Amino acid sequence: MTLDACAEIVRRGDPDRFRVAMAAPVVARARLLPLFAFNVEVARAPWVTAEPMIAEMRLQWWRDVLEEIAQGGPVRRHEVATPLSQVLAPGDAQALDALVLARRWDAYREPFADEAAFLTHIEATGGTLLEVAGAVMGAPRGAGPLRDLGVAMGLANWLVAVPELETRGRIPLVDGRPQAVVQLARTGLDRLARARAARGDIPAAAVPAARMAWRAGPVLRRAEKSPGRVAAGALDASETARRASLIWRAMLGGW
């Protein structure tokens, strides 16, 4: 199987990460696209049905794929599962199981129990995704700066998504008051600052993975300064500005 199917899934389902992959060297692209396609498939699994049980079954299918990869045996043939098995180490597959489990939240309408549960969700999704992306690019798994960067990315993306999640009947924030939103933004900015302070621990080969978080800083700073922009859906820059920012960072070799 080629990467064409993965590339098309990411292009249609996650245009910003598609641009990240396309801005990476060809070798890096071949490792990132299966992971990004997996993330698209898992993220949308709970939303293609109104029945939580069917959503659970779709997510379990991906957990089974990850278990097959982790065990090192035959992996079912599939346009995403097959190329994914060729880039993930067993430990990476085990780590991604937490990401799939976290997506169960999307299948239901219950709010997060508390702020700690919400942050655990962000760790499991954004933190795990970026950490594993770094690992498939050669960074040591468990690299602290990559997880910090992933949490900052996850918080930024979540704040951008708040209006859509509310439209879909979910309760995305434990506390939606302006001061609580400001604190969430500061939590993300703190994790971003910590990642930048340890940027020397990120191998050069893993920089294309770290570039996934290129929008996090601007989005979090806007939320901190003007928390009302979260509910208004006015946190993100225009597509043209986002693209230009990514190209600039890629040209400089940074994230």
Protein backbone atom coordinates (compact mmCIF):
# COMPACT_ATOMS: atom_id res chain seq x y z
CA MET A 1 0.00 0.00 0.00
CA THR A 2 1.21 3.52 -0.78
CA LEU A 3 0.97 6.68 1.27
CA ASP A 4 -1.52 8.21 -1.14
CA ALA A 5 -4.56 7.16 0.90
CA CYS A 6 -3.02 8.51 4.12
CA ALA A 7 -2.14 11.79 2.41
CA GLU A 8 -5.69 12.20 1.11
CA ILE A 9 -7.24 11.43 4.51
CA VAL A 10 -5.04 14.05 6.17
CA ARG A 11 -5.55 16.60 3.39
CA ARG A 12 -9.32 16.37 3.75
CA GLY A 13 -9.59 15.82 7.50
CA ASP A 14 -6.72 17.86 8.96
CA PRO A 15 -5.50 20.47 6.47
CA ASP A 16 -3.10 22.17 8.88
CA ARG A 17 -1.25 18.94 9.69
CA PHE A 18 -1.25 18.11 5.99
CA ARG A 19 0.67 21.35 5.44
CA VAL A 20 3.06 20.38 8.25
CA ALA A 21 3.75 17.08 6.50
CA MET A 22 4.19 18.70 3.11
CA ALA A 23 6.67 21.20 4.60
CA ALA A 24 8.78 18.32 5.92
CA PRO A 25 11.49 16.44 4.00
CA VAL A 26 10.19 13.50 1.96
CA VAL A 27 11.60 10.95 4.41
CA ALA A 28 9.88 12.69 7.33
CA ARG A 29 6.65 12.98 5.35
CA ALA A 30 6.54 9.23 4.85
CA ARG A 31 6.68 8.70 8.61
CA LEU A 32 4.32 11.47 9.67
CA LEU A 33 1.45 10.94 7.23
CA PRO A 34 0.40 7.48 8.53
CA LEU A 35 0.36 8.83 12.09
CA PHE A 36 -1.61 11.92 11.11
CA ALA A 37 -4.08 9.78 9.13
CA PHE A 38 -4.52 7.49 12.14
CA ASN A 39 -5.27 10.54 14.29
CA VAL A 40 -7.88 11.78 11.81
CA GLU A 41 -9.59 8.39 11.71
CA VAL A 42 -9.65 8.04 15.50
CA ALA A 43 -10.76 11.64 16.08
CA ARG A 44 -13.71 11.35 13.72
CA ALA A 45 -14.79 7.84 14.76
CA PRO A 46 -17.13 9.05 17.55
CA TRP A 47 -18.74 11.67 15.30
CA VAL A 48 -19.89 9.49 12.39
CA THR A 49 -22.68 7.95 14.46
CA ALA A 50 -25.15 9.10 17.07
CA GLU A 51 -24.91 5.73 18.84
CA PRO A 52 -22.21 5.66 21.54
CA MET A 53 -21.96 1.87 21.33
CA ILE A 54 -21.11 2.00 17.63
CA ALA A 55 -18.56 4.73 18.34
CA GLU A 56 -17.03 2.50 21.02
CA MET A 57 -16.79 -0.34 18.49
CA ARG A 58 -15.02 1.90 15.97
CA LEU A 59 -12.53 3.02 18.60
CA GLN A 60 -11.99 -0.57 19.75
CA TRP A 61 -11.09 -1.49 16.18
CA TRP A 62 -8.20 0.97 16.36
CA ARG A 63 -7.18 -0.28 19.78
CA ASP A 64 -7.00 -3.76 18.27
CA VAL A 65 -4.79 -2.43 15.45
CA LEU A 66 -2.44 -0.87 17.99
CA GLU A 67 -2.33 -4.10 19.99
CA GLU A 68 -1.36 -6.03 16.86
CA ILE A 69 1.45 -3.55 16.19
CA ALA A 70 2.60 -3.66 19.81
CA GLN A 71 2.75 -7.46 19.74
CA GLY A 72 4.88 -7.44 16.61
CA GLY A 73 2.73 -9.98 14.76
CA PRO A 74 0.64 -9.71 11.59
CA VAL A 75 -1.36 -6.49 11.30
CA ARG A 76 -4.64 -6.38 9.41
CA ARG A 77 -4.42 -4.89 5.94
CA HIS A 78 -5.92 -1.44 5.80
CA GLU A 79 -5.08 1.81 4.03
CA VAL A 80 -3.97 3.43 7.30
CA ALA A 81 -3.24 0.49 9.61
CA THR A 82 -0.73 -1.06 7.20
CA PRO A 83 1.53 1.99 6.72
CA LEU A 84 1.09 2.87 10.40
CA SER A 85 2.51 -0.54 11.36
CA GLN A 86 5.59 0.25 9.30
CA VAL A 87 6.49 3.40 11.26
CA LEU A 88 5.45 2.62 14.85
CA ALA A 89 7.64 0.81 17.34
CA PRO A 90 5.77 -1.44 19.81
CA GLY A 91 6.14 1.16 22.57
CA ASP A 92 4.69 3.86 20.31
CA ALA A 93 1.63 1.72 19.64
CA GLN A 94 1.16 1.13 23.35
CA ALA A 95 1.39 4.87 24.03
CA LEU A 96 -1.23 5.67 21.38
CA ASP A 97 -3.77 3.44 23.12
CA ALA A 98 -4.28 6.27 25.64
CA LEU A 99 -5.15 8.61 22.78
CA VAL A 100 -7.82 6.25 21.46
CA LEU A 101 -9.30 5.77 24.92
CA ALA A 102 -9.48 9.53 25.46
CA ARG A 103 -11.59 9.88 22.31
CA ARG A 104 -14.42 8.03 24.06
CA TRP A 105 -15.32 11.40 25.58
CA ASP A 106 -16.51 12.57 22.17
CA ALA A 107 -19.07 9.78 21.98
CA TYR A 108 -21.01 11.01 25.00
CA ARG A 109 -22.42 14.29 26.28
CA GLU A 110 -21.16 14.26 29.84
CA PRO A 111 -18.84 17.12 30.84
CA PHE A 112 -15.41 16.52 32.29
CA ALA A 113 -15.57 15.70 35.99
CA ASP A 114 -13.12 18.46 36.87
CA GLU A 115 -10.15 20.43 35.58
CA ALA A 116 -7.78 17.54 36.30
CA ALA A 117 -9.86 15.21 34.09
CA PHE A 118 -9.85 17.79 31.31
CA LEU A 119 -6.07 18.23 31.44
CA THR A 120 -5.63 14.45 31.48
CA HIS A 121 -7.63 14.37 28.24
CA ILE A 122 -5.35 16.98 26.65
CA GLU A 123 -2.27 15.07 27.81
CA ALA A 124 -3.62 11.86 26.31
CA THR A 125 -4.52 13.42 22.97
CA GLY A 126 -2.24 16.34 22.13
CA GLY A 127 0.63 15.34 24.40
CA THR A 128 0.69 11.72 23.25
CA LEU A 129 0.31 12.54 19.56
CA LEU A 130 3.23 14.94 19.45
CA GLU A 131 5.40 12.74 21.63
CA VAL A 132 4.86 9.74 19.35
CA ALA A 133 5.33 11.90 16.26
CA GLY A 134 8.71 12.87 17.64
CA ALA A 135 9.52 9.24 18.40
CA VAL A 136 8.82 8.07 14.84
CA MET A 137 11.21 10.82 13.73
CA GLY A 138 13.99 9.63 16.02
CA ALA A 139 13.43 11.46 19.31
CA PRO A 140 13.59 9.36 22.46
CA ARG A 141 10.09 8.33 23.48
CA GLY A 142 9.07 10.16 26.61
CA ALA A 143 10.99 13.30 25.63
CA GLY A 144 9.67 15.97 28.00
CA PRO A 145 9.80 18.96 25.64
CA LEU A 146 7.73 17.15 23.01
CA ARG A 147 5.01 16.24 25.51
CA ASP A 148 4.97 19.81 26.83
CA LEU A 149 4.71 21.08 23.29
CA GLY A 150 1.89 18.63 22.58
CA VAL A 151 -0.08 19.79 25.60
CA ALA A 152 0.30 23.43 24.52
CA MET A 153 -0.85 22.42 21.04
CA GLY A 154 -3.76 20.44 22.45
CA LEU A 155 -4.97 23.31 24.63
CA ALA A 156 -4.75 25.78 21.75
CA ASN A 157 -6.62 23.49 19.38
CA TRP A 158 -9.26 22.78 22.03
CA LEU A 159 -9.93 26.46 22.66
CA VAL A 160 -10.30 27.01 18.91
CA ALA A 161 -12.78 24.11 18.76
CA VAL A 162 -14.98 25.24 21.68
CA PRO A 163 -17.79 26.81 19.57
CA GLU A 164 -18.07 23.74 17.32
CA LEU A 165 -18.08 21.36 20.27
CA GLU A 166 -20.86 23.37 21.89
CA THR A 167 -22.83 23.33 18.64
CA ARG A 168 -22.54 19.54 18.66
CA GLY A 169 -24.03 19.37 22.14
CA ARG A 170 -20.85 18.91 24.15
CA ILE A 171 -19.65 20.82 27.21
CA PRO A 172 -15.99 21.43 26.36
CA LEU A 173 -14.93 23.57 29.33
CA VAL A 174 -15.24 22.77 33.01
CA ASP A 175 -15.39 26.50 33.70
CA GLY A 176 -16.10 28.85 30.82
CA ARG A 177 -15.74 32.08 32.77
CA PRO A 178 -13.16 34.52 31.33
CA GLN A 179 -10.76 34.14 34.25
CA ALA A 180 -10.82 30.33 33.89
CA VAL A 181 -10.15 30.59 30.15
CA VAL A 182 -7.22 32.92 30.85
CA GLN A 183 -5.81 30.37 33.30
CA LEU A 184 -6.09 27.58 30.72
CA ALA A 185 -4.26 29.75 28.19
CA ARG A 186 -1.53 30.43 30.73
CA THR A 187 -1.21 26.73 31.46
CA GLY A 188 -0.59 26.16 27.76
CA LEU A 189 1.86 29.04 27.54
CA ASP A 190 3.75 27.68 30.55
CA ARG A 191 4.10 24.28 28.87
CA LEU A 192 5.18 25.99 25.65
CA ALA A 193 7.82 28.01 27.50
CA ARG A 194 9.08 24.85 29.18
CA ALA A 195 9.37 23.11 25.81
CA ARG A 196 11.28 26.03 24.35
CA ALA A 197 13.65 26.11 27.31
CA ALA A 198 14.53 22.47 26.58
CA ARG A 199 14.49 22.73 22.79
CA GLY A 200 18.07 21.45 22.67
CA ASP A 201 16.73 18.05 23.76
CA ILE A 202 14.71 17.73 20.54
CA PRO A 203 16.83 16.08 17.81
CA ALA A 204 17.03 17.94 14.51
CA ALA A 205 15.31 15.02 12.77
CA ALA A 206 12.27 15.48 15.02
CA VAL A 207 11.81 19.20 14.29
CA PRO A 208 9.21 18.52 11.54
CA ALA A 209 7.12 16.76 14.21
CA ALA A 210 7.55 19.62 16.68
CA ARG A 211 6.33 21.98 13.97
CA MET A 212 2.83 20.55 14.52
CA ALA A 213 2.51 23.08 17.35
CA TRP A 214 3.36 26.14 15.27
CA ARG A 215 -0.05 27.75 15.90
CA ALA A 216 -0.11 27.17 19.65
CA GLY A 217 1.69 30.30 20.85
CA PRO A 218 -0.36 32.87 18.90
CA VAL A 219 -3.66 31.16 19.73
CA LEU A 220 -2.90 30.88 23.45
CA ARG A 221 -1.72 34.48 23.66
CA ARG A 222 -4.96 35.68 22.05
CA ALA A 223 -7.00 33.62 24.51
CA GLU A 224 -5.02 35.00 27.44
CA LYS A 225 -5.44 38.58 26.28
CA SER A 226 -9.06 38.37 25.10
CA PRO A 227 -10.82 35.28 26.51
CA GLY A 228 -14.10 36.32 24.90
CA ARG A 229 -12.62 35.35 21.55
CA VAL A 230 -12.96 31.68 22.53
CA ALA A 231 -16.77 31.68 22.58
CA ALA A 232 -16.83 33.97 19.55
CA GLY A 233 -14.71 31.54 17.50
CA ALA A 234 -12.22 34.30 16.80
CA LEU A 235 -9.00 32.81 18.14
CA ASP A 236 -7.37 31.51 15.00
CA ALA A 237 -5.55 33.48 12.34
CA SER A 238 -6.69 33.38 8.73
CA GLU A 239 -5.72 30.41 6.59
CA THR A 240 -3.34 32.62 4.61
CA ALA A 241 -1.62 33.85 7.76
CA ARG A 242 -1.34 30.33 9.17
CA ARG A 243 0.17 29.05 5.95
CA ALA A 244 2.65 31.91 5.77
CA SER A 245 3.71 31.37 9.38
CA LEU A 246 4.31 27.66 8.78
CA ILE A 247 6.32 28.31 5.61
CA TRP A 248 8.46 30.84 7.45
CA ARG A 249 9.21 28.42 10.28
CA ALA A 250 9.99 25.63 7.83
CA MET A 251 12.39 27.89 5.91
CA LEU A 252 14.18 28.76 9.15
CA GLY A 253 14.25 25.12 10.23
CA GLY A 254 12.39 25.85 13.45
CA TRP A 255 9.05 25.17 15.11
